[in-house]
Amino acid sequence: MDNIKTPFRGIIKDFKGRKACYKQDWTRALCSGTSILAPTTYIFFASALPVIAFGEQLSRDTDGHLSTVETLTSTALCGIIHSIFGGQPLLILGVAEPTVIMYTYLYNFAKGRAELGPELFSAWTGWVCLWTALLLFLLAIFNACTIITKFTRIAGELFGMLIAVLFLQEAVKGVVSEFNIPKDEDPNSEKYQFQWLYSNGLLGIIFSFGLLFTALKSRRARSWSYGTGWFRSFFADYGVPLMVLVWTALSFSVPSKVPSGVPRRLFGPLPWESASLQHWRVIKDMGRIPPVYIFAAIIPAVMIAGLFFFDHSVASQMAQQKEFNLKNPSSYHYDILLLGFMTLLCGFLGLPPSNGVLPQSPMHTKSLAVLKKQLIRRKMVQSAKECIKQQACNTEIYGKMQAVFIEMDMTPSQLVIVTEELKDLKEAIMKGEQGKNADEKFDPEKHIDAYLPVRVNEQRVSNLLQSILVGASVFSMPIIMRIPTSVLWGYFAYMAIDSLPGNQFCERMLLLFITLARRYK
């Protein structure tokens, strides 16, 4: 009740909190240099490929009224707006599977009504988005997001597990579909004859599992025992998108006698074709919607607003979990308000609206945590080696490393917290001065990885750049359509599996399959 009596309180608090660190959100990325390109590239593929797949699904379900062009445009537009004006820059936006399902229901409803029909489908969804935006405004103004702070960790992790299972299910369904004839296709076509259909399915299995295996291996390249340090770091940072390109290139190595549709590839209209241009005049057609259907749009709007409110907030919460040790404040109320404006804009442009997505948002934070760790580690190891060359004692070595950490962490006011976090590192360094280990030389390369606290490079540039790249993908449709669908299914499976490490609910479930004698005590 107090939240209703004090409207705008949460929005004002969020705005003031993020305003104080807005300049740092840009300067920190500049200090990272070209290293910021690694998480940018990683999250670009994680964001764009699912949106492409959902766009293809939406095209089939709406008879081509919405397609990959619209889903990519919505993701890019909302991502750019949120990265510049949003509260939580670690949050990744995109068109999600629930939105595709809702729009499929809306299309089937409109198609079955003579007053609407397929030609007024986009105009009617414009009204749905308008009502959805109004509901999101009310939720933000009257501080409904305070309920998010009541959610325990298990609630968010269960939702994250659900999304991972859905991605894995989509991957399995996709691989199975490689053995079947697509909807509305000519079964008498040569590429759909049994031998070629079977060949397409086998190639689909090879490409899907090949991408999954190589992507998982490349992501862990830093732990490889072969190759130079630079090579391992480069492969860990860029290996996953590189594997997409490699397996796409391998798909062109099939013999020339194989029909052109084997292996099966992505399909979508080009952005300059008439099918992709018709929805830009949606706002003009909204006045043609009968009043009864304008008010009827409130019903699906309530469902979409509830879905967006929960999905957007949980994705933001998962992107800023406690173990990430984020320094900047959250911004749940303000981000819901901004989501309302973006939903309204997408509705007027005839685009499916975007919202915060899983597992891309926590994946983004994890990739930035790796980047921050690399930057801090490099500086601390360098300072330790300089002290060792000067034959400094371990106390001086630790003092220098601590000073570098505080400088890189940009939190000199929290010296007590930093000292506590570096306690284990200090013990590892100082043990050489005690007892029988007095002659042991400190090796910074050996000790620092196990004791370095988690830090995240909180900034806006990686989100902005990946959104711009998604927008550029709209004009790269001829290239995108060369990617085999089976590579996409393998990437879906990779995203599902890669999102599970760190999920405590999943880890506790796995404990059920470990014998009591082998459990850590």
Protein backbone atom coordinates (compact mmCIF):
# COMPACT_ATOMS: atom_id res chain seq x y z
CA MET A 1 0.00 0.00 0.00
CA ASP A 2 2.89 2.37 0.72
CA ASN A 3 4.12 1.86 -2.83
CA ILE A 4 0.79 3.01 -4.27
CA LYS A 5 0.78 6.10 -2.03
CA THR A 6 4.21 7.19 -3.24
CA PRO A 7 4.16 7.01 -7.06
CA PHE A 8 7.40 7.61 -9.00
CA ARG A 9 9.48 6.91 -5.88
CA GLY A 10 11.23 3.88 -7.38
CA ILE A 11 11.78 5.54 -10.75
CA ILE A 12 13.33 8.65 -9.16
CA LYS A 13 15.58 6.55 -6.91
CA ASP A 14 16.74 4.40 -9.84
CA PHE A 15 17.38 7.45 -12.01
CA LYS A 16 19.47 9.20 -9.36
CA GLY A 17 21.44 6.03 -8.63
CA ARG A 18 22.31 5.36 -12.27
CA LYS A 19 22.94 9.02 -13.07
CA ALA A 20 25.80 9.04 -10.55
CA CYS A 21 27.66 6.28 -12.44
CA TYR A 22 26.54 7.08 -16.01
CA LYS A 23 29.86 8.69 -16.99
CA GLN A 24 31.79 5.71 -15.62
CA ASP A 25 29.65 3.36 -17.74
CA TRP A 26 31.34 4.84 -20.82
CA THR A 27 34.85 5.62 -19.53
CA ARG A 28 35.40 2.10 -18.16
CA ALA A 29 34.85 0.62 -21.60
CA LEU A 30 37.36 3.04 -23.12
CA CYS A 31 39.93 1.97 -20.54
CA SER A 32 39.47 -1.65 -21.68
CA GLY A 33 40.63 -0.81 -25.21
CA THR A 34 40.13 -3.43 -27.90
CA SER A 35 39.55 -6.11 -25.22
CA ILE A 36 35.91 -5.03 -25.12
CA LEU A 37 35.45 -6.57 -28.58
CA ALA A 38 35.65 -10.13 -27.19
CA PRO A 39 32.48 -9.99 -25.02
CA THR A 40 30.82 -7.86 -27.71
CA THR A 41 31.35 -10.51 -30.39
CA TYR A 42 30.39 -13.31 -28.02
CA ILE A 43 27.08 -11.76 -26.96
CA PHE A 44 26.31 -10.59 -30.52
CA PHE A 45 26.15 -14.19 -31.75
CA ALA A 46 24.24 -15.22 -28.60
CA SER A 47 21.70 -12.48 -29.27
CA ALA A 48 21.40 -12.54 -33.07
CA LEU A 49 21.20 -16.28 -33.84
CA PRO A 50 18.17 -17.04 -31.60
CA VAL A 51 16.40 -13.94 -32.92
CA ILE A 52 17.01 -15.15 -36.49
CA ALA A 53 15.54 -18.56 -35.62
CA PHE A 54 12.53 -17.00 -33.88
CA GLY A 55 12.01 -14.73 -36.88
CA GLU A 56 11.93 -17.72 -39.20
CA GLN A 57 9.40 -19.42 -36.89
CA LEU A 58 7.30 -16.24 -36.77
CA SER A 59 7.36 -16.01 -40.57
CA ARG A 60 5.93 -19.53 -40.87
CA ASP A 61 3.26 -18.92 -38.21
CA THR A 62 2.12 -15.54 -39.57
CA ASP A 63 2.21 -16.42 -43.28
CA GLY A 64 5.11 -14.04 -43.85
CA HIS A 65 3.55 -10.94 -42.25
CA LEU A 66 6.41 -10.87 -39.73
CA SER A 67 9.84 -12.34 -40.36
CA THR A 68 13.51 -12.29 -39.44
CA VAL A 69 13.82 -8.69 -40.66
CA GLU A 70 11.28 -7.49 -38.08
CA THR A 71 12.74 -9.49 -35.17
CA LEU A 72 16.29 -8.31 -35.91
CA THR A 73 15.14 -4.69 -36.34
CA SER A 74 13.24 -4.78 -33.03
CA THR A 75 16.19 -6.34 -31.19
CA ALA A 76 18.63 -3.79 -32.61
CA LEU A 77 16.39 -0.76 -32.04
CA CYS A 78 15.47 -1.66 -28.45
CA GLY A 79 19.04 -2.72 -27.68
CA ILE A 80 20.48 0.61 -28.84
CA ILE A 81 17.88 2.60 -26.87
CA HIS A 82 18.43 0.55 -23.72
CA SER A 83 22.23 0.62 -23.93
CA ILE A 84 22.18 4.44 -24.07
CA PHE A 85 19.20 5.37 -21.88
CA GLY A 86 18.58 2.18 -19.86
CA GLY A 87 19.35 1.76 -16.19
CA GLN A 88 21.06 -1.66 -16.19
CA PRO A 89 23.42 -1.81 -19.20
CA LEU A 90 24.28 -5.48 -18.58
CA LEU A 91 20.72 -6.46 -19.53
CA ILE A 92 20.41 -7.82 -23.08
CA LEU A 93 17.15 -7.23 -24.97
CA GLY A 94 15.70 -9.32 -27.77
CA VAL A 95 12.57 -10.88 -29.22
CA ALA A 96 11.96 -13.98 -27.09
CA GLU A 97 10.13 -17.23 -27.69
CA PRO A 98 7.09 -16.27 -25.51
CA THR A 99 6.61 -13.13 -27.64
CA VAL A 100 6.64 -15.27 -30.80
CA ILE A 101 3.99 -17.57 -29.30
CA MET A 102 1.79 -14.64 -28.26
CA TYR A 103 2.03 -13.04 -31.71
CA THR A 104 1.11 -16.37 -33.31
CA TYR A 105 -2.08 -16.48 -31.24
CA LEU A 106 -2.83 -12.85 -32.11
CA TYR A 107 -2.38 -13.56 -35.82
CA ASN A 108 -4.66 -16.60 -35.74
CA PHE A 109 -7.29 -14.53 -33.91
CA ALA A 110 -7.07 -11.65 -36.41
CA LYS A 111 -7.09 -13.99 -39.41
CA GLY A 112 -10.35 -15.55 -38.23
CA ARG A 113 -12.16 -12.20 -37.94
CA ALA A 114 -13.63 -10.58 -41.04
CA GLU A 115 -13.34 -7.11 -39.46
CA LEU A 116 -9.57 -7.54 -39.06
CA GLY A 117 -8.10 -10.19 -41.32
CA PRO A 118 -4.39 -10.61 -42.04
CA GLU A 119 -4.15 -7.12 -43.58
CA LEU A 120 -5.03 -5.40 -40.25
CA PHE A 121 -3.11 -7.82 -38.04
CA SER A 122 -0.14 -5.47 -37.54
CA ALA A 123 -2.43 -2.48 -36.91
CA TRP A 124 -4.33 -4.41 -34.24
CA THR A 125 -1.11 -5.53 -32.55
CA GLY A 126 -0.23 -1.83 -32.48
CA TRP A 127 -3.20 -1.33 -30.15
CA VAL A 128 -2.13 -4.36 -28.12
CA CYS A 129 1.31 -2.79 -27.69
CA LEU A 130 -0.26 0.55 -26.75
CA TRP A 131 -2.29 -1.04 -23.94
CA THR A 132 0.74 -3.09 -22.89
CA ALA A 133 2.83 0.07 -22.66
CA LEU A 134 0.19 1.79 -20.52
CA LEU A 135 0.14 -1.17 -18.12
CA LEU A 136 3.94 -1.17 -17.90
CA PHE A 137 3.86 2.57 -17.17
CA LEU A 138 1.46 1.96 -14.27
CA LEU A 139 3.57 -0.89 -12.91
CA ALA A 140 6.68 1.30 -12.96
CA ILE A 141 4.99 4.43 -11.58
CA PHE A 142 3.41 2.61 -8.63
CA ASN A 143 6.61 0.76 -7.70
CA ALA A 144 5.43 -2.75 -8.57
CA CYS A 145 9.05 -3.81 -9.09
CA THR A 146 9.61 -3.89 -5.33
CA ILE A 147 8.18 -7.41 -5.53
CA ILE A 148 11.29 -8.46 -7.47
CA THR A 149 13.43 -7.85 -4.40
CA LYS A 150 11.26 -10.41 -2.57
CA PHE A 151 12.16 -13.14 -5.04
CA THR A 152 14.66 -15.61 -3.66
CA ARG A 153 17.55 -16.84 -5.75
CA ILE A 154 15.85 -20.15 -6.46
CA ALA A 155 12.96 -18.38 -8.23
CA GLY A 156 15.30 -16.76 -10.73
CA GLU A 157 17.36 -19.92 -11.17
CA LEU A 158 14.23 -22.01 -11.77
CA PHE A 159 13.19 -19.56 -14.48
CA GLY A 160 16.70 -19.67 -15.92
CA MET A 161 16.56 -23.48 -15.90
CA LEU A 162 13.21 -23.31 -17.72
CA ILE A 163 14.70 -21.12 -20.45
CA ALA A 164 17.71 -23.44 -20.77
CA VAL A 165 15.39 -26.44 -21.13
CA LEU A 166 13.36 -24.58 -23.77
CA PHE A 167 16.51 -23.81 -25.76
CA LEU A 168 17.59 -27.45 -25.49
CA GLN A 169 14.12 -28.59 -26.53
CA GLU A 170 14.23 -26.25 -29.52
CA ALA A 171 17.62 -27.71 -30.48
CA VAL A 172 16.32 -31.29 -30.33
CA LYS A 173 13.17 -30.41 -32.29
CA GLY A 174 15.30 -28.64 -34.86
CA VAL A 175 17.60 -31.63 -35.39
CA VAL A 176 14.58 -33.94 -35.73
CA SER A 177 12.99 -31.53 -38.24
CA GLU A 178 16.02 -31.96 -40.51
CA PHE A 179 14.63 -35.42 -41.36
CA ASN A 180 11.17 -34.03 -42.21
CA ILE A 181 9.72 -32.03 -45.10
CA PRO A 182 9.06 -28.40 -44.03
CA LYS A 183 5.52 -27.04 -44.01
CA ASP A 184 4.14 -25.74 -47.34
CA GLU A 185 7.02 -27.27 -49.32
CA ASP A 186 6.65 -29.43 -52.43
CA PRO A 187 7.25 -33.08 -51.38
CA ASN A 188 8.03 -33.99 -55.01
CA SER A 189 11.10 -31.73 -55.08
CA GLU A 190 14.38 -33.57 -55.58
CA LYS A 191 15.87 -32.41 -52.27
CA TYR A 192 12.90 -33.96 -50.42
CA GLN A 193 13.33 -37.41 -51.89
CA PHE A 194 14.10 -40.04 -49.25
CA GLN A 195 17.82 -40.39 -49.93
CA TRP A 196 18.48 -36.64 -49.90
CA LEU A 197 16.15 -36.03 -46.95
CA TYR A 198 18.02 -38.70 -45.01
CA SER A 199 21.35 -37.17 -46.05
CA ASN A 200 20.15 -33.76 -44.85
CA GLY A 201 19.27 -35.26 -41.48
CA LEU A 202 22.66 -36.93 -41.09
CA LEU A 203 24.46 -33.73 -42.05
CA GLY A 204 22.25 -31.91 -39.54
CA ILE A 205 23.40 -34.24 -36.76
CA ILE A 206 27.06 -33.80 -37.75
CA PHE A 207 26.89 -30.00 -37.92
CA SER A 208 24.79 -29.63 -34.74
CA PHE A 209 26.91 -31.87 -32.53
CA GLY A 210 30.09 -30.65 -34.20
CA LEU A 211 29.32 -27.03 -33.34
CA LEU A 212 28.20 -27.95 -29.81
CA PHE A 213 31.38 -29.92 -29.06
CA THR A 214 33.84 -27.45 -30.58
CA ALA A 215 32.11 -24.41 -29.04
CA LEU A 216 32.24 -25.93 -25.54
CA LYS A 217 35.89 -26.88 -26.00
CA SER A 218 36.91 -23.48 -27.37
CA ARG A 219 35.20 -21.63 -24.52
CA ARG A 220 37.52 -23.46 -22.12
CA ALA A 221 40.66 -22.78 -24.18
CA ARG A 222 42.42 -20.92 -21.34
CA SER A 223 42.83 -24.25 -19.51
CA TRP A 224 44.46 -25.95 -22.50
CA SER A 225 47.99 -27.26 -21.92
CA TYR A 226 49.10 -26.57 -25.50
CA GLY A 227 49.48 -23.40 -27.52
CA THR A 228 50.81 -20.01 -26.44
CA GLY A 229 49.01 -17.88 -23.87
CA TRP A 230 47.96 -15.40 -26.55
CA PHE A 231 46.52 -18.18 -28.73
CA ARG A 232 44.56 -19.70 -25.84
CA SER A 233 43.16 -16.33 -24.81
CA PHE A 234 42.19 -15.47 -28.38
CA PHE A 235 40.46 -18.83 -28.87
CA ALA A 236 38.61 -18.55 -25.55
CA ASP A 237 37.37 -15.05 -26.45
CA TYR A 238 36.47 -15.58 -30.10
CA GLY A 239 36.26 -19.38 -30.44
CA VAL A 240 32.46 -19.71 -30.26
CA PRO A 241 31.63 -17.26 -33.11
CA LEU A 242 34.61 -18.64 -35.01
CA MET A 243 33.12 -22.14 -34.78
CA VAL A 244 29.87 -20.87 -36.31
CA LEU A 245 31.86 -19.58 -39.29
CA VAL A 246 33.95 -22.77 -39.54
CA TRP A 247 30.97 -25.14 -39.58
CA THR A 248 29.14 -22.87 -42.01
CA ALA A 249 32.16 -23.02 -44.30
CA LEU A 250 32.30 -26.83 -43.95
CA SER A 251 28.68 -27.03 -45.08
CA PHE A 252 29.81 -25.89 -48.54
CA SER A 253 32.20 -28.81 -48.85
CA VAL A 254 29.44 -31.26 -49.82
CA PRO A 255 29.78 -32.77 -53.34
CA SER A 256 28.38 -30.77 -56.24
CA LYS A 257 25.94 -33.58 -57.13
CA VAL A 258 24.03 -32.95 -53.90
CA PRO A 259 20.86 -30.82 -54.46
CA SER A 260 21.17 -27.14 -53.53
CA GLY A 261 18.78 -27.51 -50.57
CA VAL A 262 21.06 -30.02 -48.80
CA PRO A 263 22.05 -29.12 -46.13
CA ARG A 264 19.04 -26.96 -45.32
CA ARG A 265 19.79 -23.27 -44.72
CA LEU A 266 18.09 -20.29 -43.10
CA PHE A 267 15.39 -18.51 -45.05
CA GLY A 268 14.06 -14.99 -44.79
CA PRO A 269 13.00 -12.02 -46.93
CA LEU A 270 15.42 -9.25 -47.79
CA PRO A 271 14.89 -5.91 -45.98
CA TRP A 272 14.36 -4.04 -49.26
CA GLU A 273 11.63 -6.39 -50.53
CA SER A 274 7.98 -5.30 -50.41
CA ALA A 275 7.16 -7.99 -47.80
CA SER A 276 9.55 -6.27 -45.36
CA LEU A 277 8.37 -2.71 -46.07
CA GLN A 278 4.60 -2.98 -45.71
CA HIS A 279 4.48 -2.83 -41.89
CA TRP A 280 6.09 0.64 -41.65
CA ARG A 281 2.68 2.25 -42.30
CA VAL A 282 1.01 0.45 -39.37
CA ILE A 283 0.32 3.63 -37.42
CA LYS A 284 -1.82 4.92 -40.32
CA ASP A 285 -3.95 1.75 -40.28
CA MET A 286 -4.59 1.79 -36.52
CA GLY A 287 -7.52 4.15 -37.06
CA ARG A 288 -9.23 1.50 -39.20
CA ILE A 289 -9.58 -0.93 -36.30
CA PRO A 290 -13.21 -1.19 -35.03
CA PRO A 291 -13.65 0.18 -31.45
CA VAL A 292 -14.71 -3.22 -30.08
CA TYR A 293 -11.38 -4.74 -31.11
CA ILE A 294 -9.46 -1.74 -29.77
CA PHE A 295 -10.82 -2.48 -26.29
CA ALA A 296 -10.56 -6.24 -26.83
CA ALA A 297 -6.82 -5.71 -27.27
CA ILE A 298 -6.64 -5.05 -23.52
CA ILE A 299 -7.00 -8.80 -22.83
CA PRO A 300 -3.80 -9.95 -24.61
CA ALA A 301 -2.11 -6.74 -23.42
CA VAL A 302 -2.59 -7.81 -19.79
CA MET A 303 -0.93 -11.16 -20.50
CA ILE A 304 1.97 -9.60 -22.44
CA ALA A 305 2.51 -6.91 -19.79
CA GLY A 306 2.65 -9.56 -17.06
CA LEU A 307 5.05 -11.64 -19.15
CA PHE A 308 7.31 -8.67 -19.93
CA PHE A 309 7.28 -7.45 -16.32
CA PHE A 310 8.41 -10.82 -14.96
CA ASP A 311 10.76 -11.78 -17.82
CA HIS A 312 12.47 -8.37 -17.98
CA SER A 313 12.92 -8.10 -14.21
CA VAL A 314 14.15 -11.66 -13.69
CA ALA A 315 16.62 -11.31 -16.60
CA SER A 316 17.93 -8.12 -14.98
CA GLN A 317 18.15 -9.84 -11.59
CA MET A 318 20.03 -12.82 -13.06
CA ALA A 319 22.48 -10.43 -14.76
CA GLN A 320 23.39 -8.89 -11.40
CA GLN A 321 23.60 -11.88 -9.06
CA LYS A 322 25.43 -11.55 -5.78
CA GLU A 323 28.51 -13.52 -6.85
CA PHE A 324 29.23 -10.98 -9.60
CA ASN A 325 30.02 -8.35 -6.93
CA LEU A 326 28.53 -5.48 -8.96
CA LYS A 327 29.21 -1.99 -7.64
CA ASN A 328 26.50 -0.01 -9.43
CA PRO A 329 22.88 -0.01 -8.20
CA SER A 330 19.97 -1.85 -9.82
CA SER A 331 17.29 -0.06 -11.85
CA TYR A 332 14.17 -2.22 -11.97
CA HIS A 333 11.50 0.52 -11.90
CA TYR A 334 13.17 2.83 -14.42
CA ASP A 335 13.90 -0.04 -16.82
CA ILE A 336 10.25 -1.14 -16.80
CA LEU A 337 9.25 2.45 -17.60
CA LEU A 338 11.70 2.51 -20.52
CA LEU A 339 10.44 -0.91 -21.63
CA GLY A 340 6.96 0.62 -21.89
CA PHE A 341 8.21 3.33 -24.24
CA MET A 342 10.07 0.78 -26.37
CA THR A 343 6.99 -1.46 -26.55
CA LEU A 344 4.93 1.52 -27.70
CA LEU A 345 7.50 2.42 -30.36
CA CYS A 346 7.64 -1.16 -31.67
CA GLY A 347 3.84 -1.29 -31.84
CA PHE A 348 3.67 1.89 -33.92
CA LEU A 349 6.35 0.53 -36.28
CA GLY A 350 4.68 -2.87 -36.66
CA LEU A 351 7.53 -4.72 -34.94
CA PRO A 352 7.29 -7.45 -32.28
CA PRO A 353 8.52 -5.81 -29.05
CA SER A 354 11.74 -6.85 -27.34
CA ASN A 355 12.38 -7.39 -23.64
CA GLY A 356 15.14 -8.66 -21.35
CA VAL A 357 16.15 -12.18 -22.33
CA LEU A 358 17.69 -15.25 -20.73
CA PRO A 359 20.25 -16.76 -20.82
CA GLN A 360 21.92 -13.95 -22.81
CA SER A 361 21.84 -11.40 -19.96
CA PRO A 362 23.82 -13.45 -17.38
CA MET A 363 26.05 -14.70 -20.21
CA HIS A 364 26.88 -11.06 -20.94
CA THR A 365 27.80 -10.42 -17.31
CA LYS A 366 29.96 -13.57 -17.15
CA SER A 367 31.86 -12.57 -20.28
CA LEU A 368 32.53 -9.11 -18.81
CA ALA A 369 33.66 -10.72 -15.55
CA VAL A 370 36.25 -12.70 -17.50
CA LEU A 371 37.37 -9.51 -19.25
CA LYS A 372 37.72 -7.60 -15.98
CA LYS A 373 39.64 -10.48 -14.42
CA GLN A 374 42.06 -10.53 -17.35
CA LEU A 375 42.70 -6.77 -17.09
CA ILE A 376 43.26 -6.86 -13.31
CA ARG A 377 45.34 -10.04 -13.49
CA ARG A 378 47.64 -8.62 -16.16
CA LYS A 379 48.39 -5.48 -14.11
CA MET A 380 48.84 -7.36 -10.81
CA VAL A 381 51.16 -9.98 -12.31
CA GLN A 382 53.22 -7.25 -13.96
CA SER A 383 53.60 -5.34 -10.68
CA ALA A 384 54.50 -8.53 -8.78
CA LYS A 385 57.20 -9.47 -11.30
CA GLU A 386 58.68 -5.98 -11.07
CA CYS A 387 58.90 -6.33 -7.27
CA ILE A 388 60.48 -9.78 -7.60
CA LYS A 389 63.15 -8.38 -9.93
CA GLN A 390 63.91 -5.75 -7.30
CA GLN A 391 64.20 -8.58 -4.70
CA ALA A 392 61.38 -7.16 -2.62
CA CYS A 393 59.98 -9.14 0.31
CA ASN A 394 56.58 -10.82 0.07
CA THR A 395 55.00 -8.12 2.23
CA GLU A 396 56.02 -5.47 -0.31
CA ILE A 397 54.85 -7.68 -3.18
CA TYR A 398 51.40 -8.06 -1.64
CA GLY A 399 51.18 -4.35 -0.86
CA LYS A 400 51.96 -3.46 -4.47
CA MET A 401 49.44 -6.01 -5.81
CA GLN A 402 46.75 -4.76 -3.43
CA ALA A 403 47.36 -1.17 -4.54
CA VAL A 404 47.03 -2.19 -8.19
CA PHE A 405 43.79 -4.08 -7.44
CA ILE A 406 42.27 -1.09 -5.64
CA GLU A 407 43.29 1.22 -8.49
CA MET A 408 41.81 -1.10 -11.15
CA ASP A 409 38.71 -1.80 -9.07
CA MET A 410 38.03 1.92 -8.63
CA THR A 411 36.72 1.39 -5.08
CA PRO A 412 39.30 3.01 -2.75
CA SER A 413 36.53 3.86 -0.27
CA GLN A 414 35.84 0.16 0.30
CA LEU A 415 39.35 -0.74 1.50
CA VAL A 416 38.05 -2.95 4.32
CA ILE A 417 35.98 -5.05 1.91
CA VAL A 418 38.85 -5.34 -0.58
CA THR A 419 41.26 -6.37 2.18
CA GLU A 420 38.88 -9.13 3.24
CA GLU A 421 38.43 -10.34 -0.35
CA LEU A 422 42.22 -10.49 -0.84
CA LYS A 423 42.78 -12.30 2.45
CA ASP A 424 43.39 -15.69 0.81
CA LEU A 425 45.75 -14.18 -1.74
CA LYS A 426 47.71 -12.53 1.05
CA GLU A 427 48.05 -15.86 2.88
CA ALA A 428 49.29 -17.54 -0.31
CA ILE A 429 51.92 -14.82 -0.76
CA MET A 430 53.00 -14.54 2.86
CA LYS A 431 53.45 -18.27 3.52
CA GLY A 432 56.91 -18.07 1.95
CA GLU A 433 58.10 -15.96 4.87
CA GLN A 434 57.08 -18.50 7.49
CA GLY A 435 58.84 -21.60 8.74
CA LYS A 436 60.26 -24.15 6.35
CA ASN A 437 58.84 -22.38 3.29
CA ALA A 438 60.98 -19.30 3.85
CA ASP A 439 63.07 -19.99 0.76
CA GLU A 440 60.05 -20.48 -1.51
CA LYS A 441 59.79 -17.84 -4.21
CA PHE A 442 56.34 -16.38 -4.91
CA ASP A 443 55.10 -17.19 -8.42
CA PRO A 444 52.39 -14.64 -9.43
CA GLU A 445 51.31 -16.74 -12.42
CA LYS A 446 50.72 -19.72 -10.11
CA HIS A 447 48.90 -18.15 -7.18
CA ILE A 448 46.82 -15.28 -8.47
CA ASP A 449 44.10 -17.11 -10.46
CA ALA A 450 42.77 -19.11 -7.51
CA TYR A 451 42.50 -16.10 -5.20
CA LEU A 452 41.46 -13.21 -7.43
CA PRO A 453 37.97 -11.86 -6.49
CA VAL A 454 35.26 -11.65 -9.14
CA ARG A 455 34.83 -8.24 -10.74
CA VAL A 456 32.67 -7.20 -13.69
CA ASN A 457 33.52 -4.49 -16.21
CA GLU A 458 30.23 -2.61 -15.83
CA GLN A 459 29.84 -0.47 -18.95
CA ARG A 460 27.48 0.27 -21.86
CA VAL A 461 29.71 -0.04 -24.91
CA SER A 462 29.53 -3.84 -25.36
CA ASN A 463 25.72 -3.74 -25.30
CA LEU A 464 25.63 -0.80 -27.71
CA LEU A 465 28.10 -2.37 -30.14
CA GLN A 466 26.35 -5.75 -30.21
CA SER A 467 23.01 -4.01 -30.83
CA ILE A 468 24.54 -2.08 -33.74
CA LEU A 469 25.89 -5.35 -35.13
CA VAL A 470 22.41 -6.90 -34.86
CA GLY A 471 21.06 -3.92 -36.80
CA ALA A 472 23.75 -4.39 -39.44
CA SER A 473 22.64 -8.03 -39.72
CA VAL A 474 19.35 -6.83 -41.19
CA PHE A 475 21.25 -5.71 -44.28
CA SER A 476 23.36 -8.88 -44.26
CA MET A 477 20.45 -11.24 -44.87
CA PRO A 478 22.02 -12.67 -48.07
CA ILE A 479 25.01 -13.76 -45.96
CA ILE A 480 22.92 -14.94 -43.00
CA MET A 481 20.83 -17.15 -45.28
CA ARG A 482 23.99 -19.17 -46.02
CA ILE A 483 24.11 -20.47 -42.41
CA PRO A 484 22.79 -24.06 -42.15
CA THR A 485 19.81 -24.45 -39.83
CA SER A 486 21.60 -27.37 -38.17
CA VAL A 487 24.40 -25.00 -37.04
CA LEU A 488 21.69 -22.92 -35.40
CA TRP A 489 20.36 -25.94 -33.49
CA GLY A 490 23.85 -26.72 -32.26
CA TYR A 491 24.24 -23.15 -31.05
CA PHE A 492 20.91 -23.38 -29.20
CA ALA A 493 22.18 -26.47 -27.37
CA TYR A 494 25.45 -24.67 -26.58
CA MET A 495 23.59 -21.69 -25.08
CA ALA A 496 21.49 -24.01 -22.91
CA ILE A 497 24.52 -25.91 -21.59
CA ASP A 498 26.71 -22.83 -21.16
CA SER A 499 24.06 -21.13 -19.01
CA LEU A 500 24.02 -23.95 -16.43
CA PRO A 501 27.43 -23.48 -14.67
CA GLY A 502 26.85 -21.31 -11.60
CA ASN A 503 23.17 -22.28 -11.40
CA GLN A 504 22.99 -23.59 -7.83
CA PHE A 505 19.68 -25.36 -8.40
CA CYS A 506 21.19 -27.35 -11.29
CA GLU A 507 24.34 -28.12 -9.30
CA ARG A 508 22.29 -29.42 -6.37
CA MET A 509 20.27 -31.59 -8.71
CA LEU A 510 23.51 -33.10 -10.02
CA LEU A 511 24.50 -33.97 -6.44
CA LEU A 512 21.70 -36.55 -6.45
CA PHE A 513 23.74 -38.59 -8.94
CA ILE A 514 26.98 -38.46 -6.91
CA THR A 515 27.58 -41.14 -4.29
CA LEU A 516 27.91 -39.98 -0.67
CA ALA A 517 31.53 -41.15 -0.49
CA ARG A 518 32.55 -38.88 -3.36
CA ARG A 519 30.73 -35.73 -2.23
CA TYR A 520 32.80 -32.82 -0.97
CA LYS A 521 32.63 -32.49 2.80
